[in-house]
Amino acid sequence: MRLLTQLRLPEPLEIDAIEGTHAGTLLPWHRFRRLRLRGGGSRADGRGYGFRITFPKPVQGPIAIGYGAHMGLGQFVAVQ
């Protein structure tokens, strides 16, 4: 919620955890590698997570939030 507020997005109606992404078949988040082997940045655990965020009105995207967002992690795309 804090990161969505910082991006000046409207307060979501719902935030639902989802078990994975579909690439022909369900690909669970735990199959994604999130660990950096080098570098001195702060690290969270190695688990991946996915969420569906429902806003009260359309928002412009893509939206990228959280650790690694600058590297393409944490990206949300619109679902019709």
PDB file of N, CA and C in Angstrom:
ATOM      1  N   MET A   1       0.823  -1.185   0.000  1.00  0.00           N
ATOM      2  CA  MET A   1       0.000   0.000   0.000  1.00  0.00           C
ATOM      3  C   MET A   1       0.874   1.259   0.000  1.00  0.00           C
ATOM      4  N   ARG A   2       1.941   1.224   0.787  1.00  0.00           N
ATOM      5  CA  ARG A   2       2.825   2.393   0.858  1.00  0.00           C
ATOM      6  C   ARG A   2       3.423   2.707  -0.512  1.00  0.00           C
ATOM      7  N   LEU A   3       3.867   1.680  -1.229  1.00  0.00           N
ATOM      8  CA  LEU A   3       4.483   1.897  -2.535  1.00  0.00           C
ATOM      9  C   LEU A   3       3.462   2.374  -3.563  1.00  0.00           C
ATOM     10  N   LEU A   4       2.251   1.868  -3.503  1.00  0.00           N
ATOM     11  CA  LEU A   4       1.200   2.330  -4.415  1.00  0.00           C
ATOM     12  C   LEU A   4       0.869   3.796  -4.142  1.00  0.00           C
ATOM     13  N   THR A   5       0.839   4.169  -2.866  1.00  0.00           N
ATOM     14  CA  THR A   5       0.578   5.557  -2.490  1.00  0.00           C
ATOM     15  C   THR A   5       1.686   6.476  -2.994  1.00  0.00           C
ATOM     16  N   GLN A   6       2.941   6.029  -2.877  1.00  0.00           N
ATOM     17  CA  GLN A   6       4.066   6.836  -3.356  1.00  0.00           C
ATOM     18  C   GLN A   6       3.977   7.088  -4.857  1.00  0.00           C
ATOM     19  N   LEU A   7       3.389   6.149  -5.593  1.00  0.00           N
ATOM     20  CA  LEU A   7       3.215   6.324  -7.044  1.00  0.00           C
ATOM     21  C   LEU A   7       1.959   7.119  -7.381  1.00  0.00           C
ATOM     22  N   ARG A   8       1.265   7.572  -6.333  1.00  0.00           N
ATOM     23  CA  ARG A   8       0.035   8.364  -6.485  1.00  0.00           C
ATOM     24  C   ARG A   8      -1.060   7.617  -7.228  1.00  0.00           C
ATOM     25  N   LEU A   9      -1.126   6.329  -6.977  1.00  0.00           N
ATOM     26  CA  LEU A   9      -2.186   5.503  -7.553  1.00  0.00           C
ATOM     27  C   LEU A   9      -3.374   5.494  -6.608  1.00  0.00           C
ATOM     28  N   PRO A  10      -4.585   5.278  -7.140  1.00  0.00           N
ATOM     29  CA  PRO A  10      -5.751   5.233  -6.259  1.00  0.00           C
ATOM     30  C   PRO A  10      -5.675   4.025  -5.324  1.00  0.00           C
ATOM     31  N   GLU A  11      -6.348   4.125  -4.193  1.00  0.00           N
ATOM     32  CA  GLU A  11      -6.366   3.005  -3.246  1.00  0.00           C
ATOM     33  C   GLU A  11      -7.050   1.813  -3.903  1.00  0.00           C
ATOM     34  N   PRO A  12      -6.417   0.645  -3.871  1.00  0.00           N
ATOM     35  CA  PRO A  12      -6.999  -0.532  -4.526  1.00  0.00           C
ATOM     36  C   PRO A  12      -8.284  -0.992  -3.849  1.00  0.00           C
ATOM     37  N   LEU A  13      -9.176  -1.555  -4.659  1.00  0.00           N
ATOM     38  CA  LEU A  13     -10.369  -2.195  -4.114  1.00  0.00           C
ATOM     39  C   LEU A  13     -10.012  -3.542  -3.505  1.00  0.00           C
ATOM     40  N   GLU A  14      -9.078  -4.252  -4.163  1.00  0.00           N
ATOM     41  CA  GLU A  14      -8.662  -5.573  -3.704  1.00  0.00           C
ATOM     42  C   GLU A  14      -7.199  -5.814  -4.062  1.00  0.00           C
ATOM     43  N   ILE A  15      -6.521  -6.584  -3.229  1.00  0.00           N
ATOM     44  CA  ILE A  15      -5.199  -7.117  -3.540  1.00  0.00           C
ATOM     45  C   ILE A  15      -5.264  -8.593  -3.207  1.00  0.00           C
ATOM     46  N   ASP A  16      -5.172  -9.433  -4.240  1.00  0.00           N
ATOM     47  CA  ASP A  16      -5.296 -10.875  -4.066  1.00  0.00           C
ATOM     48  C   ASP A  16      -3.995 -11.564  -4.440  1.00  0.00           C
ATOM     49  N   ALA A  17      -3.554 -12.482  -3.590  1.00  0.00           N
ATOM     50  CA  ALA A  17      -2.381 -13.292  -3.914  1.00  0.00           C
ATOM     51  C   ALA A  17      -2.769 -14.303  -4.988  1.00  0.00           C
ATOM     52  N   ILE A  18      -1.886 -14.510  -5.965  1.00  0.00           N
ATOM     53  CA  ILE A  18      -2.114 -15.525  -6.994  1.00  0.00           C
ATOM     54  C   ILE A  18      -0.956 -16.515  -6.951  1.00  0.00           C
ATOM     55  N   GLU A  19      -1.229 -17.769  -7.330  1.00  0.00           N
ATOM     56  CA  GLU A  19      -0.242 -18.834  -7.127  1.00  0.00           C
ATOM     57  C   GLU A  19       0.868 -18.896  -8.165  1.00  0.00           C
ATOM     58  N   GLY A  20       0.700 -18.259  -9.294  1.00  0.00           N
ATOM     59  CA  GLY A  20       1.728 -18.303 -10.324  1.00  0.00           C
ATOM     60  C   GLY A  20       1.284 -17.566 -11.561  1.00  0.00           C
ATOM     61  N   THR A  21       2.017 -17.764 -12.623  1.00  0.00           N
ATOM     62  CA  THR A  21       1.689 -17.151 -13.900  1.00  0.00           C
ATOM     63  C   THR A  21       1.473 -18.262 -14.922  1.00  0.00           C
ATOM     64  N   HIS A  22       0.774 -17.949 -15.983  1.00  0.00           N
ATOM     65  CA  HIS A  22       0.492 -18.961 -17.003  1.00  0.00           C
ATOM     66  C   HIS A  22       1.371 -18.723 -18.226  1.00  0.00           C
ATOM     67  N   ALA A  23       2.125 -19.731 -18.576  1.00  0.00           N
ATOM     68  CA  ALA A  23       2.946 -19.716 -19.786  1.00  0.00           C
ATOM     69  C   ALA A  23       2.642 -21.022 -20.515  1.00  0.00           C
ATOM     70  N   GLY A  24       1.369 -21.182 -20.902  1.00  0.00           N
ATOM     71  CA  GLY A  24       0.917 -22.437 -21.478  1.00  0.00           C
ATOM     72  C   GLY A  24       0.396 -23.366 -20.395  1.00  0.00           C
ATOM     73  N   THR A  25       1.051 -23.328 -19.237  1.00  0.00           N
ATOM     74  CA  THR A  25       0.646 -24.082 -18.058  1.00  0.00           C
ATOM     75  C   THR A  25       0.983 -23.224 -16.845  1.00  0.00           C
ATOM     76  N   LEU A  26       0.456 -23.588 -15.690  1.00  0.00           N
ATOM     77  CA  LEU A  26       0.740 -22.799 -14.494  1.00  0.00           C
ATOM     78  C   LEU A  26       2.216 -22.899 -14.131  1.00  0.00           C
ATOM     79  N   LEU A  27       2.856 -21.771 -13.952  1.00  0.00           N
ATOM     80  CA  LEU A  27       4.251 -21.701 -13.531  1.00  0.00           C
ATOM     81  C   LEU A  27       4.257 -21.021 -12.160  1.00  0.00           C
ATOM     82  N   PRO A  28       4.455 -21.808 -11.081  1.00  0.00           N
ATOM     83  CA  PRO A  28       4.390 -21.234  -9.734  1.00  0.00           C
ATOM     84  C   PRO A  28       5.541 -20.270  -9.461  1.00  0.00           C
ATOM     85  N   TRP A  29       5.264 -19.318  -8.592  1.00  0.00           N
ATOM     86  CA  TRP A  29       6.263 -18.284  -8.304  1.00  0.00           C
ATOM     87  C   TRP A  29       7.544 -18.865  -7.726  1.00  0.00           C
ATOM     88  N   HIS A  30       7.475 -19.958  -6.983  1.00  0.00           N
ATOM     89  CA  HIS A  30       8.694 -20.500  -6.380  1.00  0.00           C
ATOM     90  C   HIS A  30       9.690 -21.018  -7.421  1.00  0.00           C
ATOM     91  N   ARG A  31       9.264 -21.138  -8.669  1.00  0.00           N
ATOM     92  CA  ARG A  31      10.176 -21.571  -9.738  1.00  0.00           C
ATOM     93  C   ARG A  31      11.042 -20.425 -10.263  1.00  0.00           C
ATOM     94  N   PHE A  32      10.729 -19.194  -9.880  1.00  0.00           N
ATOM     95  CA  PHE A  32      11.500 -18.035 -10.321  1.00  0.00           C
ATOM     96  C   PHE A  32      12.673 -17.808  -9.372  1.00  0.00           C
ATOM     97  N   ARG A  33      13.832 -17.481  -9.920  1.00  0.00           N
ATOM     98  CA  ARG A  33      15.026 -17.208  -9.128  1.00  0.00           C
ATOM     99  C   ARG A  33      15.078 -15.726  -8.791  1.00  0.00           C
ATOM    100  N   ARG A  34      15.181 -15.428  -7.511  1.00  0.00           N
ATOM    101  CA  ARG A  34      15.231 -14.042  -7.063  1.00  0.00           C
ATOM    102  C   ARG A  34      16.510 -13.706  -6.329  1.00  0.00           C
ATOM    103  N   LEU A  35      17.406 -14.644  -6.191  1.00  0.00           N
ATOM    104  CA  LEU A  35      18.611 -14.403  -5.401  1.00  0.00           C
ATOM    105  C   LEU A  35      19.722 -13.794  -6.250  1.00  0.00           C
ATOM    106  N   ARG A  36      20.358 -12.774  -5.704  1.00  0.00           N
ATOM    107  CA  ARG A  36      21.548 -12.217  -6.342  1.00  0.00           C
ATOM    108  C   ARG A  36      22.751 -12.901  -5.750  1.00  0.00           C
ATOM    109  N   LEU A  37      23.661 -13.321  -6.597  1.00  0.00           N
ATOM    110  CA  LEU A  37      24.855 -13.992  -6.114  1.00  0.00           C
ATOM    111  C   LEU A  37      25.965 -13.015  -5.758  1.00  0.00           C
ATOM    112  N   ARG A  38      25.913 -11.816  -6.314  1.00  0.00           N
ATOM    113  CA  ARG A  38      26.925 -10.791  -6.048  1.00  0.00           C
ATOM    114  C   ARG A  38      26.236  -9.474  -5.739  1.00  0.00           C
ATOM    115  N   GLY A  39      27.009  -8.539  -5.267  1.00  0.00           N
ATOM    116  CA  GLY A  39      26.478  -7.217  -4.965  1.00  0.00           C
ATOM    117  C   GLY A  39      26.240  -7.056  -3.482  1.00  0.00           C
ATOM    118  N   GLY A  40      26.194  -5.839  -3.055  1.00  0.00           N
ATOM    119  CA  GLY A  40      26.074  -5.579  -1.628  1.00  0.00           C
ATOM    120  C   GLY A  40      24.711  -5.065  -1.211  1.00  0.00           C
ATOM    121  N   GLY A  41      23.732  -5.112  -2.103  1.00  0.00           N
ATOM    122  CA  GLY A  41      22.415  -4.585  -1.766  1.00  0.00           C
ATOM    123  C   GLY A  41      21.692  -5.438  -0.747  1.00  0.00           C
ATOM    124  N   SER A  42      20.670  -4.864  -0.137  1.00  0.00           N
ATOM    125  CA  SER A  42      19.888  -5.621   0.836  1.00  0.00           C
ATOM    126  C   SER A  42      19.077  -6.689   0.111  1.00  0.00           C
ATOM    127  N   ARG A  43      18.820  -7.766   0.817  1.00  0.00           N
ATOM    128  CA  ARG A  43      18.125  -8.889   0.193  1.00  0.00           C
ATOM    129  C   ARG A  43      16.971  -9.347   1.064  1.00  0.00           C
ATOM    130  N   ALA A  44      15.921  -9.770   0.413  1.00  0.00           N
ATOM    131  CA  ALA A  44      14.814 -10.420   1.100  1.00  0.00           C
ATOM    132  C   ALA A  44      15.006 -11.922   0.931  1.00  0.00           C
ATOM    133  N   ASP A  45      14.041 -12.704   1.347  1.00  0.00           N
ATOM    134  CA  ASP A  45      14.155 -14.146   1.124  1.00  0.00           C
ATOM    135  C   ASP A  45      14.020 -14.437  -0.373  1.00  0.00           C
ATOM    136  N   GLY A  46      14.269 -15.653  -0.768  1.00  0.00           N
ATOM    137  CA  GLY A  46      14.306 -15.997  -2.182  1.00  0.00           C
ATOM    138  C   GLY A  46      12.973 -16.371  -2.788  1.00  0.00           C
ATOM    139  N   ARG A  47      11.902 -16.299  -2.017  1.00  0.00           N
ATOM    140  CA  ARG A  47      10.591 -16.687  -2.547  1.00  0.00           C
ATOM    141  C   ARG A  47      10.011 -15.609  -3.451  1.00  0.00           C
ATOM    142  N   GLY A  48       9.297 -16.041  -4.467  1.00  0.00           N
ATOM    143  CA  GLY A  48       8.582 -15.122  -5.334  1.00  0.00           C
ATOM    144  C   GLY A  48       7.114 -15.065  -4.942  1.00  0.00           C
ATOM    145  N   TYR A  49       6.477 -13.976  -5.257  1.00  0.00           N
ATOM    146  CA  TYR A  49       5.070 -13.781  -4.939  1.00  0.00           C
ATOM    147  C   TYR A  49       4.386 -13.124  -6.124  1.00  0.00           C
ATOM    148  N   GLY A  50       3.091 -13.323  -6.241  1.00  0.00           N
ATOM    149  CA  GLY A  50       2.319 -12.664  -7.285  1.00  0.00           C
ATOM    150  C   GLY A  50       1.012 -12.156  -6.718  1.00  0.00           C
ATOM    151  N   PHE A  51       0.566 -11.035  -7.221  1.00  0.00           N
ATOM    152  CA  PHE A  51      -0.663 -10.415  -6.732  1.00  0.00           C
ATOM    153  C   PHE A  51      -1.475  -9.867  -7.889  1.00  0.00           C
ATOM    154  N   ARG A  52      -2.775  -9.870  -7.719  1.00  0.00           N
ATOM    155  CA  ARG A  52      -3.689  -9.191  -8.645  1.00  0.00           C
ATOM    156  C   ARG A  52      -4.234  -7.989  -7.874  1.00  0.00           C
ATOM    157  N   ILE A  53      -4.006  -6.805  -8.425  1.00  0.00           N
ATOM    158  CA  ILE A  53      -4.452  -5.565  -7.787  1.00  0.00           C
ATOM    159  C   ILE A  53      -5.617  -5.015  -8.596  1.00  0.00           C
ATOM    160  N   THR A  54      -6.736  -4.784  -7.935  1.00  0.00           N
ATOM    161  CA  THR A  54      -7.927  -4.234  -8.590  1.00  0.00           C
ATOM    162  C   THR A  54      -8.120  -2.799  -8.125  1.00  0.00           C
ATOM    163  N   PHE A  55      -8.058  -1.864  -9.069  1.00  0.00           N
ATOM    164  CA  PHE A  55      -8.254  -0.450  -8.766  1.00  0.00           C
ATOM    165  C   PHE A  55      -9.692  -0.047  -9.081  1.00  0.00           C
ATOM    166  N   PRO A  56     -10.185   1.019  -8.451  1.00  0.00           N
ATOM    167  CA  PRO A  56     -11.563   1.453  -8.704  1.00  0.00           C
ATOM    168  C   PRO A  56     -11.765   2.064 -10.093  1.00  0.00           C
ATOM    169  N   LYS A  57     -10.663   2.450 -10.742  1.00  0.00           N
ATOM    170  CA  LYS A  57     -10.739   3.020 -12.089  1.00  0.00           C
ATOM    171  C   LYS A  57      -9.465   2.626 -12.837  1.00  0.00           C
ATOM    172  N   PRO A  58      -9.473   2.706 -14.161  1.00  0.00           N
ATOM    173  CA  PRO A  58      -8.260   2.352 -14.921  1.00  0.00           C
ATOM    174  C   PRO A  58      -7.072   3.227 -14.502  1.00  0.00           C
ATOM    175  N   VAL A  59      -5.896   2.604 -14.454  1.00  0.00           N
ATOM    176  CA  VAL A  59      -4.660   3.326 -14.157  1.00  0.00           C
ATOM    177  C   VAL A  59      -3.688   3.092 -15.301  1.00  0.00           C
ATOM    178  N   GLN A  60      -2.815   4.059 -15.496  1.00  0.00           N
ATOM    179  CA  GLN A  60      -1.823   3.939 -16.562  1.00  0.00           C
ATOM    180  C   GLN A  60      -0.643   3.128 -16.052  1.00  0.00           C
ATOM    181  N   GLY A  61      -0.123   2.255 -16.864  1.00  0.00           N
ATOM    182  CA  GLY A  61       0.975   1.397 -16.437  1.00  0.00           C
ATOM    183  C   GLY A  61       2.012   1.314 -17.521  1.00  0.00           C
ATOM    184  N   PRO A  62       2.955   0.415 -17.404  1.00  0.00           N
ATOM    185  CA  PRO A  62       3.044  -0.623 -16.381  1.00  0.00           C
ATOM    186  C   PRO A  62       3.407  -0.056 -15.019  1.00  0.00           C
ATOM    187  N   ILE A  63       3.133  -0.837 -13.993  1.00  0.00           N
ATOM    188  CA  ILE A  63       3.444  -0.469 -12.619  1.00  0.00           C
ATOM    189  C   ILE A  63       4.557  -1.401 -12.152  1.00  0.00           C
ATOM    190  N   ALA A  64       5.620  -0.843 -11.602  1.00  0.00           N
ATOM    191  CA  ALA A  64       6.712  -1.654 -11.053  1.00  0.00           C
ATOM    192  C   ALA A  64       6.989  -1.155  -9.644  1.00  0.00           C
ATOM    193  N   ILE A  65       6.897  -2.054  -8.658  1.00  0.00           N
ATOM    194  CA  ILE A  65       7.097  -1.655  -7.268  1.00  0.00           C
ATOM    195  C   ILE A  65       7.945  -2.691  -6.545  1.00  0.00           C
ATOM    196  N   GLY A  66       8.593  -2.279  -5.481  1.00  0.00           N
ATOM    197  CA  GLY A  66       9.301  -3.187  -4.600  1.00  0.00           C
ATOM    198  C   GLY A  66      10.747  -3.407  -4.989  1.00  0.00           C
ATOM    199  N   TYR A  67      11.375  -4.328  -4.231  1.00  0.00           N
ATOM    200  CA  TYR A  67      12.776  -4.661  -4.435  1.00  0.00           C
ATOM    201  C   TYR A  67      12.991  -5.146  -5.863  1.00  0.00           C
ATOM    202  N   GLY A  68      13.963  -4.613  -6.544  1.00  0.00           N
ATOM    203  CA  GLY A  68      14.295  -5.043  -7.892  1.00  0.00           C
ATOM    204  C   GLY A  68      13.408  -4.450  -8.978  1.00  0.00           C
ATOM    205  N   ALA A  69      12.510  -3.538  -8.614  1.00  0.00           N
ATOM    206  CA  ALA A  69      11.613  -2.963  -9.622  1.00  0.00           C
ATOM    207  C   ALA A  69      12.404  -2.287 -10.738  1.00  0.00           C
ATOM    208  N   HIS A  70      13.554  -1.719 -10.411  1.00  0.00           N
ATOM    209  CA  HIS A  70      14.390  -1.056 -11.417  1.00  0.00           C
ATOM    210  C   HIS A  70      15.013  -2.057 -12.387  1.00  0.00           C
ATOM    211  N   MET A  71      14.936  -3.359 -12.062  1.00  0.00           N
ATOM    212  CA  MET A  71      15.488  -4.404 -12.930  1.00  0.00           C
ATOM    213  C   MET A  71      14.390  -5.250 -13.584  1.00  0.00           C
ATOM    214  N   GLY A  72      13.151  -4.767 -13.512  1.00  0.00           N
ATOM    215  CA  GLY A  72      12.052  -5.492 -14.142  1.00  0.00           C
ATOM    216  C   GLY A  72      11.285  -6.406 -13.208  1.00  0.00           C
ATOM    217  N   LEU A  73      11.761  -6.578 -11.978  1.00  0.00           N
ATOM    218  CA  LEU A  73      10.983  -7.338 -11.007  1.00  0.00           C
ATOM    219  C   LEU A  73       9.882  -6.441 -10.463  1.00  0.00           C
ATOM    220  N   GLY A  74       8.857  -7.013  -9.940  1.00  0.00           N
ATOM    221  CA  GLY A  74       7.775  -6.228  -9.355  1.00  0.00           C
ATOM    222  C   GLY A  74       6.898  -5.550 -10.380  1.00  0.00           C
ATOM    223  N   GLN A  75       6.886  -6.043 -11.601  1.00  0.00           N
ATOM    224  CA  GLN A  75       6.108  -5.408 -12.666  1.00  0.00           C
ATOM    225  C   GLN A  75       4.700  -5.996 -12.723  1.00  0.00           C
ATOM    226  N   PHE A  76       3.724  -5.115 -12.809  1.00  0.00           N
ATOM    227  CA  PHE A  76       2.335  -5.500 -12.975  1.00  0.00           C
ATOM    228  C   PHE A  76       1.869  -5.068 -14.357  1.00  0.00           C
ATOM    229  N   VAL A  77       1.098  -5.896 -15.014  1.00  0.00           N
ATOM    230  CA  VAL A  77       0.552  -5.575 -16.327  1.00  0.00           C
ATOM    231  C   VAL A  77      -0.969  -5.664 -16.255  1.00  0.00           C
ATOM    232  N   ALA A  78      -1.634  -4.945 -17.140  1.00  0.00           N
ATOM    233  CA  ALA A  78      -3.099  -4.909 -17.140  1.00  0.00           C
ATOM    234  C   ALA A  78      -3.696  -6.233 -17.578  1.00  0.00           C
ATOM    235  N   VAL A  79      -4.792  -6.588 -16.954  1.00  0.00           N
ATOM    236  CA  VAL A  79      -5.571  -7.767 -17.309  1.00  0.00           C
ATOM    237  C   VAL A  79      -6.944  -7.286 -17.721  1.00  0.00           C
ATOM    238  N   GLN A  80      -7.425  -7.746 -18.838  1.00  0.00           N
ATOM    239  CA  GLN A  80      -8.751  -7.327 -19.305  1.00  0.00           C
ATOM    240  C   GLN A  80      -9.823  -8.224 -18.775  1.00  0.00           C
TER     241      GLN A  80
END
